[in-house]
Amino acid sequence: MQCRYCGREVRMAAGKLVYNGSPSCKASPTGSHVSLPVPGCCIYCGRQVKPGAGGTLIFNGSPACLASPSKKHSLL
């Protein structure tokens, strides 16, 4: 998957999107890589998420996303 800010090919490692082992992205306003939208995947951590109770997105039963500024998964 690609970072929407720097355009580099990123992958998930330790719950964050990284490029060559680095989670920092100088082009991003949050300082972290954010992936281009991929259907069904969180843009912050890249994991496949599904709808949970109350409209939250979950991965393995957890709504927490360590890579997100809001600590919640997001599709957009």
Protein backbone atom coordinates (compact mmCIF):
# COMPACT_ATOMS: atom_id res chain seq x y z
CA MET A 1 0.00 0.00 0.00
CA GLN A 2 1.09 3.60 -0.52
CA CYS A 3 1.28 6.55 1.87
CA ARG A 4 -1.17 9.22 0.79
CA TYR A 5 1.23 12.03 1.77
CA CYS A 6 4.70 10.95 0.64
CA GLY A 7 3.68 8.33 -1.98
CA ARG A 8 6.15 5.74 -0.68
CA GLU A 9 5.33 2.04 -0.47
CA VAL A 10 4.52 1.36 3.20
CA ARG A 11 3.81 -1.81 5.15
CA MET A 12 2.48 -2.59 8.61
CA ALA A 13 4.99 -3.31 11.39
CA ALA A 14 4.31 -3.24 15.13
CA GLY A 15 0.83 -1.78 14.56
CA LYS A 16 2.05 1.17 12.47
CA LEU A 17 2.67 1.87 8.81
CA VAL A 18 6.40 2.09 8.08
CA TYR A 19 8.71 2.83 5.15
CA ASN A 20 12.14 1.17 5.46
CA GLY A 21 11.44 0.61 9.16
CA SER A 22 10.56 4.25 9.89
CA PRO A 23 7.03 5.23 10.96
CA SER A 24 7.68 8.96 10.44
CA CYS A 25 6.46 10.83 7.36
CA LYS A 26 7.69 14.40 6.88
CA ALA A 27 4.90 15.20 4.42
CA SER A 28 2.07 14.17 6.77
CA PRO A 29 0.48 16.72 9.15
CA THR A 30 0.47 14.09 11.92
CA GLY A 31 4.04 12.96 11.23
CA SER A 32 2.92 9.40 10.52
CA HIS A 33 2.29 7.53 7.28
CA VAL A 34 -1.37 7.26 6.24
CA SER A 35 -2.32 4.80 3.52
CA LEU A 36 -4.49 5.48 0.53
CA PRO A 37 -7.98 4.06 1.11
CA VAL A 38 -8.13 0.31 0.50
CA PRO A 39 -11.61 -1.21 0.84
CA GLY A 40 -12.03 -2.71 4.31
CA CYS A 41 -8.59 -1.64 5.64
CA CYS A 42 -7.80 1.00 8.25
CA ILE A 43 -5.85 3.89 6.69
CA TYR A 44 -3.66 4.25 9.80
CA CYS A 45 -2.59 0.68 10.57
CA GLY A 46 -3.48 -1.12 7.31
CA ARG A 47 -5.34 -3.93 9.06
CA GLN A 48 -8.55 -5.48 7.74
CA VAL A 49 -11.35 -4.09 9.92
CA LYS A 50 -15.06 -4.78 10.16
CA PRO A 51 -18.05 -2.94 11.64
CA GLY A 52 -18.64 -3.52 15.33
CA ALA A 53 -21.22 -2.47 17.89
CA GLY A 54 -22.32 1.15 17.74
CA GLY A 55 -20.78 1.73 14.33
CA THR A 56 -17.17 1.41 15.47
CA LEU A 57 -14.59 -0.39 13.35
CA ILE A 58 -12.85 -3.34 14.97
CA PHE A 59 -9.85 -5.59 14.34
CA ASN A 60 -9.83 -8.89 16.24
CA GLY A 61 -12.58 -7.57 18.51
CA SER A 62 -10.72 -4.39 19.45
CA PRO A 63 -11.68 -0.86 18.34
CA ALA A 64 -8.24 0.51 19.35
CA CYS A 65 -5.77 1.60 16.65
CA LEU A 66 -2.36 2.51 18.05
CA ALA A 67 -1.33 4.27 14.82
CA SER A 68 -4.34 6.63 14.68
CA PRO A 69 -4.29 10.10 16.26
CA SER A 70 -7.82 9.43 17.60
CA LYS A 71 -6.84 5.84 18.61
CA LYS A 72 -9.75 4.53 16.48
CA HIS A 73 -9.67 2.74 13.13
CA SER A 74 -10.75 4.73 10.08
CA LEU A 75 -11.54 3.83 6.48
CA LEU A 76 -11.20 7.41 5.17
